[in-house]
PDB file of all heavy atoms in Angstrom:
ATOM      1  N   VAL A   1     -12.901 -21.657  44.179  1.00  0.00           N
ATOM      2  CA  VAL A   1     -11.938 -21.734  45.287  1.00  0.00           C
ATOM      3  C   VAL A   1     -10.560 -21.330  44.780  1.00  0.00           C
ATOM      4  O   VAL A   1      -9.875 -20.496  45.389  1.00  0.00           O
ATOM      5  CB  VAL A   1     -11.899 -23.161  45.884  1.00  0.00           C
ATOM      6  CG1 VAL A   1     -10.728 -23.318  46.862  1.00  0.00           C
ATOM      7  CG2 VAL A   1     -13.221 -23.498  46.567  1.00  0.00           C
ATOM      8  N   ARG A   2     -10.155 -21.905  43.648  1.00  0.00           N
ATOM      9  CA  ARG A   2      -8.851 -21.587  43.069  1.00  0.00           C
ATOM     10  C   ARG A   2      -8.792 -20.130  42.625  1.00  0.00           C
ATOM     11  O   ARG A   2      -7.780 -19.448  42.803  1.00  0.00           O
ATOM     12  CB  ARG A   2      -8.562 -22.509  41.890  1.00  0.00           C
ATOM     13  CG  ARG A   2      -8.391 -23.957  42.323  1.00  0.00           C
ATOM     14  CD  ARG A   2      -8.078 -24.880  41.187  1.00  0.00           C
ATOM     15  NE  ARG A   2      -6.816 -24.493  40.581  1.00  0.00           N
ATOM     16  CZ  ARG A   2      -6.561 -24.600  39.294  1.00  0.00           C
ATOM     17  NH1 ARG A   2      -7.458 -25.079  38.474  1.00  0.00           N
ATOM     18  NH2 ARG A   2      -5.392 -24.254  38.814  1.00  0.00           N
ATOM     19  N   TYR A   3      -9.882 -19.644  42.041  1.00  0.00           N
ATOM     20  CA  TYR A   3      -9.918 -18.260  41.552  1.00  0.00           C
ATOM     21  C   TYR A   3      -9.692 -17.282  42.697  1.00  0.00           C
ATOM     22  O   TYR A   3      -8.850 -16.373  42.600  1.00  0.00           O
ATOM     23  CB  TYR A   3     -11.264 -17.980  40.872  1.00  0.00           C
ATOM     24  CG  TYR A   3     -11.472 -16.522  40.541  1.00  0.00           C
ATOM     25  CD1 TYR A   3     -10.889 -15.962  39.407  1.00  0.00           C
ATOM     26  CD2 TYR A   3     -12.234 -15.706  41.369  1.00  0.00           C
ATOM     27  CE1 TYR A   3     -11.059 -14.617  39.108  1.00  0.00           C
ATOM     28  CE2 TYR A   3     -12.414 -14.365  41.065  1.00  0.00           C
ATOM     29  CZ  TYR A   3     -11.825 -13.828  39.935  1.00  0.00           C
ATOM     30  OH  TYR A   3     -12.007 -12.507  39.650  1.00  0.00           O
ATOM     31  N   TYR A   4     -10.429 -17.427  43.794  1.00  0.00           N
ATOM     32  CA  TYR A   4     -10.315 -16.480  44.898  1.00  0.00           C
ATOM     33  C   TYR A   4      -8.954 -16.576  45.579  1.00  0.00           C
ATOM     34  O   TYR A   4      -8.406 -15.561  46.001  1.00  0.00           O
ATOM     35  CB  TYR A   4     -11.460 -16.654  45.899  1.00  0.00           C
ATOM     36  CG  TYR A   4     -12.757 -16.126  45.349  1.00  0.00           C
ATOM     37  CD1 TYR A   4     -13.830 -16.956  45.068  1.00  0.00           C
ATOM     38  CD2 TYR A   4     -12.898 -14.766  45.066  1.00  0.00           C
ATOM     39  CE1 TYR A   4     -15.003 -16.466  44.538  1.00  0.00           C
ATOM     40  CE2 TYR A   4     -14.068 -14.262  44.539  1.00  0.00           C
ATOM     41  CZ  TYR A   4     -15.121 -15.119  44.272  1.00  0.00           C
ATOM     42  OH  TYR A   4     -16.274 -14.625  43.741  1.00  0.00           O
ATOM     43  N   GLN A   5      -8.394 -17.769  45.662  1.00  0.00           N
ATOM     44  CA  GLN A   5      -7.062 -17.895  46.246  1.00  0.00           C
ATOM     45  C   GLN A   5      -6.036 -17.179  45.371  1.00  0.00           C
ATOM     46  O   GLN A   5      -5.181 -16.464  45.863  1.00  0.00           O
ATOM     47  CB  GLN A   5      -6.692 -19.381  46.423  1.00  0.00           C
ATOM     48  CG  GLN A   5      -5.466 -19.619  47.267  1.00  0.00           C
ATOM     49  CD  GLN A   5      -4.146 -19.360  46.563  1.00  0.00           C
ATOM     50  OE1 GLN A   5      -4.019 -19.568  45.365  1.00  0.00           O
ATOM     51  NE2 GLN A   5      -3.161 -18.920  47.321  1.00  0.00           N
ATOM     52  N   ARG A   6      -6.144 -17.355  44.046  1.00  0.00           N
ATOM     53  CA  ARG A   6      -5.200 -16.683  43.134  1.00  0.00           C
ATOM     54  C   ARG A   6      -5.353 -15.168  43.193  1.00  0.00           C
ATOM     55  O   ARG A   6      -4.362 -14.431  43.145  1.00  0.00           O
ATOM     56  CB  ARG A   6      -5.394 -17.180  41.702  1.00  0.00           C
ATOM     57  CG  ARG A   6      -4.795 -18.538  41.452  1.00  0.00           C
ATOM     58  CD  ARG A   6      -4.666 -18.842  39.982  1.00  0.00           C
ATOM     59  NE  ARG A   6      -5.874 -18.630  39.231  1.00  0.00           N
ATOM     60  CZ  ARG A   6      -6.663 -19.593  38.776  1.00  0.00           C
ATOM     61  NH1 ARG A   6      -6.369 -20.837  38.973  1.00  0.00           N
ATOM     62  NH2 ARG A   6      -7.742 -19.298  38.095  1.00  0.00           N
ATOM     63  N   GLN A   7      -6.604 -14.688  43.286  1.00  0.00           N
ATOM     64  CA  GLN A   7      -6.828 -13.244  43.355  1.00  0.00           C
ATOM     65  C   GLN A   7      -6.252 -12.669  44.648  1.00  0.00           C
ATOM     66  O   GLN A   7      -5.642 -11.597  44.642  1.00  0.00           O
ATOM     67  CB  GLN A   7      -8.322 -12.914  43.244  1.00  0.00           C
ATOM     68  CG  GLN A   7      -8.935 -13.307  41.920  1.00  0.00           C
ATOM     69  CD  GLN A   7      -8.195 -12.722  40.737  1.00  0.00           C
ATOM     70  OE1 GLN A   7      -7.906 -11.541  40.693  1.00  0.00           O
ATOM     71  NE2 GLN A   7      -7.861 -13.567  39.770  1.00  0.00           N
ATOM     72  N   ALA A   8      -6.441 -13.387  45.749  1.00  0.00           N
ATOM     73  CA  ALA A   8      -5.881 -12.926  47.027  1.00  0.00           C
ATOM     74  C   ALA A   8      -4.356 -12.919  46.956  1.00  0.00           C
ATOM     75  O   ALA A   8      -3.711 -11.974  47.428  1.00  0.00           O
ATOM     76  CB  ALA A   8      -6.362 -13.819  48.168  1.00  0.00           C
ATOM     77  N   ALA A   9      -3.780 -13.951  46.346  1.00  0.00           N
ATOM     78  CA  ALA A   9      -2.316 -14.002  46.204  1.00  0.00           C
ATOM     79  C   ALA A   9      -1.834 -12.857  45.317  1.00  0.00           C
ATOM     80  O   ALA A   9      -0.812 -12.224  45.605  1.00  0.00           O
ATOM     81  CB  ALA A   9      -1.885 -15.348  45.627  1.00  0.00           C
ATOM     82  N   TRP A  10      -2.564 -12.572  44.250  1.00  0.00           N
ATOM     83  CA  TRP A  10      -2.211 -11.478  43.339  1.00  0.00           C
ATOM     84  C   TRP A  10      -2.178 -10.150  44.104  1.00  0.00           C
ATOM     85  O   TRP A  10      -1.242  -9.368  43.975  1.00  0.00           O
ATOM     86  CB  TRP A  10      -3.220 -11.428  42.200  1.00  0.00           C
ATOM     87  CG  TRP A  10      -2.904 -10.456  41.108  1.00  0.00           C
ATOM     88  CD1 TRP A  10      -2.179 -10.695  39.992  1.00  0.00           C
ATOM     89  CD2 TRP A  10      -3.339  -9.085  41.027  1.00  0.00           C
ATOM     90  NE1 TRP A  10      -2.124  -9.558  39.212  1.00  0.00           N
ATOM     91  CE2 TRP A  10      -2.824  -8.558  39.824  1.00  0.00           C
ATOM     92  CE3 TRP A  10      -4.102  -8.276  41.845  1.00  0.00           C
ATOM     93  CZ2 TRP A  10      -3.051  -7.249  39.430  1.00  0.00           C
ATOM     94  CZ3 TRP A  10      -4.334  -6.964  41.448  1.00  0.00           C
ATOM     95  CH2 TRP A  10      -3.806  -6.469  40.247  1.00  0.00           C
ATOM     96  N   LEU A  11      -3.220  -9.901  44.897  1.00  0.00           N
ATOM     97  CA  LEU A  11      -3.288  -8.648  45.658  1.00  0.00           C
ATOM     98  C   LEU A  11      -2.194  -8.558  46.718  1.00  0.00           C
ATOM     99  O   LEU A  11      -1.555  -7.514  46.864  1.00  0.00           O
ATOM    100  CB  LEU A  11      -4.658  -8.518  46.336  1.00  0.00           C
ATOM    101  CG  LEU A  11      -5.778  -8.001  45.461  1.00  0.00           C
ATOM    102  CD1 LEU A  11      -7.112  -8.121  46.185  1.00  0.00           C
ATOM    103  CD2 LEU A  11      -5.538  -6.566  45.048  1.00  0.00           C
ATOM    104  N   THR A  12      -1.988  -9.648  47.440  1.00  0.00           N
ATOM    105  CA  THR A  12      -0.977  -9.592  48.507  1.00  0.00           C
ATOM    106  C   THR A  12       0.434  -9.534  47.940  1.00  0.00           C
ATOM    107  O   THR A  12       1.332  -9.019  48.607  1.00  0.00           O
ATOM    108  CB  THR A  12      -1.113 -10.772  49.484  1.00  0.00           C
ATOM    109  OG1 THR A  12      -1.060 -12.002  48.756  1.00  0.00           O
ATOM    110  CG2 THR A  12      -2.413 -10.694  50.263  1.00  0.00           C
ATOM    111  N   ASP A  13       0.649 -10.037  46.729  1.00  0.00           N
ATOM    112  CA  ASP A  13       1.965  -9.897  46.090  1.00  0.00           C
ATOM    113  C   ASP A  13       2.246  -8.442  45.734  1.00  0.00           C
ATOM    114  O   ASP A  13       3.368  -7.967  45.871  1.00  0.00           O
ATOM    115  CB  ASP A  13       2.052 -10.739  44.808  1.00  0.00           C
ATOM    116  CG  ASP A  13       2.246 -12.212  45.081  1.00  0.00           C
ATOM    117  OD1 ASP A  13       2.543 -12.574  46.237  1.00  0.00           O
ATOM    118  OD2 ASP A  13       2.103 -12.996  44.128  1.00  0.00           O
ATOM    119  N   ARG A  14       1.241  -7.734  45.251  1.00  0.00           N
ATOM    120  CA  ARG A  14       1.435  -6.360  44.816  1.00  0.00           C
ATOM    121  C   ARG A  14       1.356  -5.351  45.960  1.00  0.00           C
ATOM    122  O   ARG A  14       1.970  -4.292  45.903  1.00  0.00           O
ATOM    123  CB  ARG A  14       0.415  -6.026  43.735  1.00  0.00           C
ATOM    124  CG  ARG A  14       0.861  -6.616  42.409  1.00  0.00           C
ATOM    125  CD  ARG A  14      -0.300  -6.886  41.480  1.00  0.00           C
ATOM    126  NE  ARG A  14       0.136  -7.555  40.271  1.00  0.00           N
ATOM    127  CZ  ARG A  14       0.366  -8.863  40.174  1.00  0.00           C
ATOM    128  NH1 ARG A  14       0.238  -9.633  41.228  1.00  0.00           N
ATOM    129  NH2 ARG A  14       0.746  -9.403  39.032  1.00  0.00           N
ATOM    130  N   PHE A  15       0.545  -5.686  46.960  1.00  0.00           N
ATOM    131  CA  PHE A  15       0.351  -4.772  48.095  1.00  0.00           C
ATOM    132  C   PHE A  15       0.554  -5.530  49.408  1.00  0.00           C
ATOM    133  O   PHE A  15      -0.376  -5.656  50.208  1.00  0.00           O
ATOM    134  CB  PHE A  15      -1.051  -4.154  48.037  1.00  0.00           C
ATOM    135  CG  PHE A  15      -1.377  -3.523  46.722  1.00  0.00           C
ATOM    136  CD1 PHE A  15      -2.231  -4.151  45.817  1.00  0.00           C
ATOM    137  CD2 PHE A  15      -0.826  -2.300  46.373  1.00  0.00           C
ATOM    138  CE1 PHE A  15      -2.526  -3.568  44.594  1.00  0.00           C
ATOM    139  CE2 PHE A  15      -1.125  -1.710  45.146  1.00  0.00           C
ATOM    140  CZ  PHE A  15      -1.968  -2.347  44.246  1.00  0.00           C
ATOM    141  N   PRO A  16       1.774  -6.029  49.656  1.00  0.00           N
ATOM    142  CA  PRO A  16       2.016  -6.869  50.838  1.00  0.00           C
ATOM    143  C   PRO A  16       1.839  -6.145  52.170  1.00  0.00           C
ATOM    144  O   PRO A  16       1.543  -6.776  53.179  1.00  0.00           O
ATOM    145  CB  PRO A  16       3.462  -7.342  50.663  1.00  0.00           C
ATOM    146  CG  PRO A  16       4.092  -6.364  49.743  1.00  0.00           C
ATOM    147  CD  PRO A  16       3.000  -5.842  48.870  1.00  0.00           C
ATOM    148  N   ASN A  17       1.989  -4.847  52.168  1.00  0.00           N
ATOM    149  CA  ASN A  17       1.828  -4.100  53.418  1.00  0.00           C
ATOM    150  C   ASN A  17       0.423  -3.559  53.587  1.00  0.00           C
ATOM    151  O   ASN A  17       0.146  -2.821  54.528  1.00  0.00           O
ATOM    152  CB  ASN A  17       2.843  -2.953  53.491  1.00  0.00           C
ATOM    153  CG  ASN A  17       4.257  -3.475  53.519  1.00  0.00           C
ATOM    154  OD1 ASN A  17       4.520  -4.521  54.114  1.00  0.00           O
ATOM    155  ND2 ASN A  17       5.168  -2.785  52.855  1.00  0.00           N
ATOM    156  N   GLY A  18      -0.448  -3.857  52.639  1.00  0.00           N
ATOM    157  CA  GLY A  18      -1.820  -3.395  52.718  1.00  0.00           C
ATOM    158  C   GLY A  18      -1.979  -1.915  52.456  1.00  0.00           C
ATOM    159  O   GLY A  18      -2.972  -1.315  52.853  1.00  0.00           O
ATOM    160  N   THR A  19      -1.002  -1.327  51.781  1.00  0.00           N
ATOM    161  CA  THR A  19      -1.086   0.095  51.441  1.00  0.00           C
ATOM    162  C   THR A  19      -0.948   0.261  49.939  1.00  0.00           C
ATOM    163  O   THR A  19      -0.312  -0.553  49.264  1.00  0.00           O
ATOM    164  CB  THR A  19       0.025   0.910  52.143  1.00  0.00           C
ATOM    165  OG1 THR A  19       1.293   0.380  51.765  1.00  0.00           O
ATOM    166  CG2 THR A  19      -0.131   0.861  53.651  1.00  0.00           C
ATOM    167  N   LEU A  20      -1.519   1.321  49.444  1.00  0.00           N
ATOM    168  CA  LEU A  20      -1.463   1.616  48.020  1.00  0.00           C
ATOM    169  C   LEU A  20      -0.063   2.091  47.644  1.00  0.00           C
ATOM    170  O   LEU A  20       0.472   3.011  48.253  1.00  0.00           O
ATOM    171  CB  LEU A  20      -2.490   2.693  47.669  1.00  0.00           C
ATOM    172  CG  LEU A  20      -2.696   2.986  46.192  1.00  0.00           C
ATOM    173  CD1 LEU A  20      -3.176   1.743  45.454  1.00  0.00           C
ATOM    174  CD2 LEU A  20      -3.697   4.113  46.015  1.00  0.00           C
ATOM    175  N   VAL A  21       0.535   1.408  46.682  1.00  0.00           N
ATOM    176  CA  VAL A  21       1.858   1.770  46.181  1.00  0.00           C
ATOM    177  C   VAL A  21       1.814   1.740  44.656  1.00  0.00           C
ATOM    178  O   VAL A  21       0.910   1.159  44.066  1.00  0.00           O
ATOM    179  CB  VAL A  21       2.964   0.803  46.694  1.00  0.00           C
ATOM    180  CG1 VAL A  21       3.126   0.907  48.198  1.00  0.00           C
ATOM    181  CG2 VAL A  21       2.659  -0.624  46.287  1.00  0.00           C
ATOM    182  N   ASP A  22       2.798   2.372  44.036  1.00  0.00           N
ATOM    183  CA  ASP A  22       2.883   2.352  42.581  1.00  0.00           C
ATOM    184  C   ASP A  22       3.149   0.927  42.096  1.00  0.00           C
ATOM    185  O   ASP A  22       4.041   0.246  42.600  1.00  0.00           O
ATOM    186  CB  ASP A  22       4.012   3.258  42.090  1.00  0.00           C
ATOM    187  CG  ASP A  22       3.709   4.735  42.295  1.00  0.00           C
ATOM    188  OD1 ASP A  22       2.553   5.059  42.638  1.00  0.00           O
ATOM    189  OD2 ASP A  22       4.622   5.555  42.111  1.00  0.00           O
ATOM    190  N   VAL A  23       2.341   0.490  41.143  1.00  0.00           N
ATOM    191  CA  VAL A  23       2.528  -0.808  40.498  1.00  0.00           C
ATOM    192  C   VAL A  23       2.460  -0.552  38.994  1.00  0.00           C
ATOM    193  O   VAL A  23       1.402  -0.146  38.495  1.00  0.00           O
ATOM    194  CB  VAL A  23       1.451  -1.825  40.922  1.00  0.00           C
ATOM    195  CG1 VAL A  23       1.623  -3.136  40.172  1.00  0.00           C
ATOM    196  CG2 VAL A  23       1.480  -2.062  42.421  1.00  0.00           C
ATOM    197  N   PRO A  24       3.573  -0.763  38.273  1.00  0.00           N
ATOM    198  CA  PRO A  24       3.566  -0.494  36.828  1.00  0.00           C
ATOM    199  C   PRO A  24       2.430  -1.236  36.113  1.00  0.00           C
ATOM    200  O   PRO A  24       2.203  -2.417  36.341  1.00  0.00           O
ATOM    201  CB  PRO A  24       4.925  -1.019  36.364  1.00  0.00           C
ATOM    202  CG  PRO A  24       5.787  -1.004  37.588  1.00  0.00           C
ATOM    203  CD  PRO A  24       4.865  -1.271  38.733  1.00  0.00           C
ATOM    204  N   GLY A  25       1.716  -0.472  35.292  1.00  0.00           N
ATOM    205  CA  GLY A  25       0.614  -1.044  34.533  1.00  0.00           C
ATOM    206  C   GLY A  25      -0.683  -1.147  35.302  1.00  0.00           C
ATOM    207  O   GLY A  25      -1.713  -1.527  34.751  1.00  0.00           O
ATOM    208  N   LEU A  26      -0.646  -0.815  36.592  1.00  0.00           N
ATOM    209  CA  LEU A  26      -1.853  -0.962  37.405  1.00  0.00           C
ATOM    210  C   LEU A  26      -2.255   0.334  38.098  1.00  0.00           C
ATOM    211  O   LEU A  26      -3.374   0.819  37.931  1.00  0.00           O
ATOM    212  CB  LEU A  26      -1.642  -2.060  38.456  1.00  0.00           C
ATOM    213  CG  LEU A  26      -2.812  -2.331  39.392  1.00  0.00           C
ATOM    214  CD1 LEU A  26      -4.004  -2.857  38.616  1.00  0.00           C
ATOM    215  CD2 LEU A  26      -2.408  -3.318  40.475  1.00  0.00           C
ATOM    216  N   VAL A  27      -1.362   0.911  38.882  1.00  0.00           N
ATOM    217  CA  VAL A  27      -1.718   2.077  39.679  1.00  0.00           C
ATOM    218  C   VAL A  27      -0.487   2.947  39.903  1.00  0.00           C
ATOM    219  O   VAL A  27       0.634   2.443  39.988  1.00  0.00           O
ATOM    220  CB  VAL A  27      -2.339   1.650  41.039  1.00  0.00           C
ATOM    221  CG1 VAL A  27      -1.346   0.944  41.917  1.00  0.00           C
ATOM    222  CG2 VAL A  27      -2.940   2.826  41.779  1.00  0.00           C
ATOM    223  N   MET A  28      -0.758   4.249  39.985  1.00  0.00           N
ATOM    224  CA  MET A  28       0.306   5.191  40.321  1.00  0.00           C
ATOM    225  C   MET A  28      -0.301   6.269  41.206  1.00  0.00           C
ATOM    226  O   MET A  28      -1.375   6.790  40.910  1.00  0.00           O
ATOM    227  CB  MET A  28       0.882   5.844  39.068  1.00  0.00           C
ATOM    228  CG  MET A  28       1.954   6.869  39.368  1.00  0.00           C
ATOM    229  SD  MET A  28       2.451   7.708  37.868  1.00  0.00           S
ATOM    230  CE  MET A  28       3.165   9.180  38.562  1.00  0.00           C
ATOM    231  N   LEU A  29       0.384   6.564  42.259  1.00  0.00           N
ATOM    232  CA  LEU A  29      -0.053   7.650  43.119  1.00  0.00           C
ATOM    233  C   LEU A  29       0.412   8.954  42.473  1.00  0.00           C
ATOM    234  O   LEU A  29       1.606   9.211  42.375  1.00  0.00           O
ATOM    235  CB  LEU A  29       0.544   7.487  44.518  1.00  0.00           C
ATOM    236  CG  LEU A  29       0.166   6.202  45.246  1.00  0.00           C
ATOM    237  CD1 LEU A  29       0.979   6.040  46.512  1.00  0.00           C
ATOM    238  CD2 LEU A  29      -1.311   6.209  45.564  1.00  0.00           C
ATOM    239  N   ALA A  30      -0.527   9.727  41.992  1.00  0.00           N
ATOM    240  CA  ALA A  30      -0.190  10.973  41.291  1.00  0.00           C
ATOM    241  C   ALA A  30      -0.653  12.165  42.118  1.00  0.00           C
ATOM    242  O   ALA A  30      -1.749  12.161  42.672  1.00  0.00           O
ATOM    243  CB  ALA A  30      -0.852  10.991  39.921  1.00  0.00           C
ATOM    244  N   ASP A  31       0.190  13.165  42.175  1.00  0.00           N
ATOM    245  CA  ASP A  31      -0.202  14.402  42.839  1.00  0.00           C
ATOM    246  C   ASP A  31      -0.482  15.453  41.768  1.00  0.00           C
ATOM    247  O   ASP A  31      -0.390  15.196  40.573  1.00  0.00           O
ATOM    248  CB  ASP A  31       0.856  14.855  43.850  1.00  0.00           C
ATOM    249  CG  ASP A  31       2.226  15.069  43.214  1.00  0.00           C
ATOM    250  OD1 ASP A  31       2.312  15.173  41.971  1.00  0.00           O
ATOM    251  OD2 ASP A  31       3.211  15.131  43.965  1.00  0.00           O
ATOM    252  N   LYS A  32      -0.808  16.635  42.209  1.00  0.00           N
ATOM    253  CA  LYS A  32      -1.166  17.720  41.298  1.00  0.00           C
ATOM    254  C   LYS A  32      -0.021  18.040  40.334  1.00  0.00           C
ATOM    255  O   LYS A  32      -0.243  18.311  39.156  1.00  0.00           O
ATOM    256  CB  LYS A  32      -1.551  18.961  42.116  1.00  0.00           C
ATOM    257  CG  LYS A  32      -2.313  19.993  41.359  1.00  0.00           C
ATOM    258  CD  LYS A  32      -2.801  21.068  42.328  1.00  0.00           C
ATOM    259  CE  LYS A  32      -3.600  22.110  41.606  1.00  0.00           C
ATOM    260  NZ  LYS A  32      -4.118  23.135  42.514  1.00  0.00           N
ATOM    261  N   LYS A  33       1.215  17.959  40.828  1.00  0.00           N
ATOM    262  CA  LYS A  33       2.378  18.257  39.997  1.00  0.00           C
ATOM    263  C   LYS A  33       2.504  17.242  38.855  1.00  0.00           C
ATOM    264  O   LYS A  33       2.780  17.613  37.706  1.00  0.00           O
ATOM    265  CB  LYS A  33       3.644  18.243  40.861  1.00  0.00           C
ATOM    266  CG  LYS A  33       4.893  18.643  40.136  1.00  0.00           C
ATOM    267  CD  LYS A  33       6.071  18.658  41.097  1.00  0.00           C
ATOM    268  CE  LYS A  33       7.345  19.001  40.356  1.00  0.00           C
ATOM    269  NZ  LYS A  33       8.503  18.941  41.241  1.00  0.00           N
ATOM    270  N   ASP A  34       2.267  15.945  39.154  1.00  0.00           N
ATOM    271  CA  ASP A  34       2.312  14.906  38.114  1.00  0.00           C
ATOM    272  C   ASP A  34       1.249  15.154  37.048  1.00  0.00           C
ATOM    273  O   ASP A  34       1.496  15.021  35.849  1.00  0.00           O
ATOM    274  CB  ASP A  34       2.096  13.509  38.719  1.00  0.00           C
ATOM    275  CG  ASP A  34       3.232  13.071  39.624  1.00  0.00           C
ATOM    276  OD1 ASP A  34       4.384  13.429  39.342  1.00  0.00           O
ATOM    277  OD2 ASP A  34       2.948  12.347  40.605  1.00  0.00           O
ATOM    278  N   ILE A  35       0.075  15.515  37.487  1.00  0.00           N
ATOM    279  CA  ILE A  35      -1.028  15.760  36.553  1.00  0.00           C
ATOM    280  C   ILE A  35      -0.711  16.962  35.667  1.00  0.00           C
ATOM    281  O   ILE A  35      -0.962  16.941  34.458  1.00  0.00           O
ATOM    282  CB  ILE A  35      -2.355  15.945  37.320  1.00  0.00           C
ATOM    283  CG1 ILE A  35      -2.701  14.656  38.083  1.00  0.00           C
ATOM    284  CG2 ILE A  35      -3.486  16.319  36.370  1.00  0.00           C
ATOM    285  CD1 ILE A  35      -3.849  14.794  39.051  1.00  0.00           C
TER     286      ILE A  35
END
């Protein structure tokens, strides 16, 4: 119960609008130019 609540809080803290955004150390939206 505690694990799933913490995981949900972790996700909603990083992606509060429910969209993929750059998060240092986790994800970056890269286009062809970045690559």
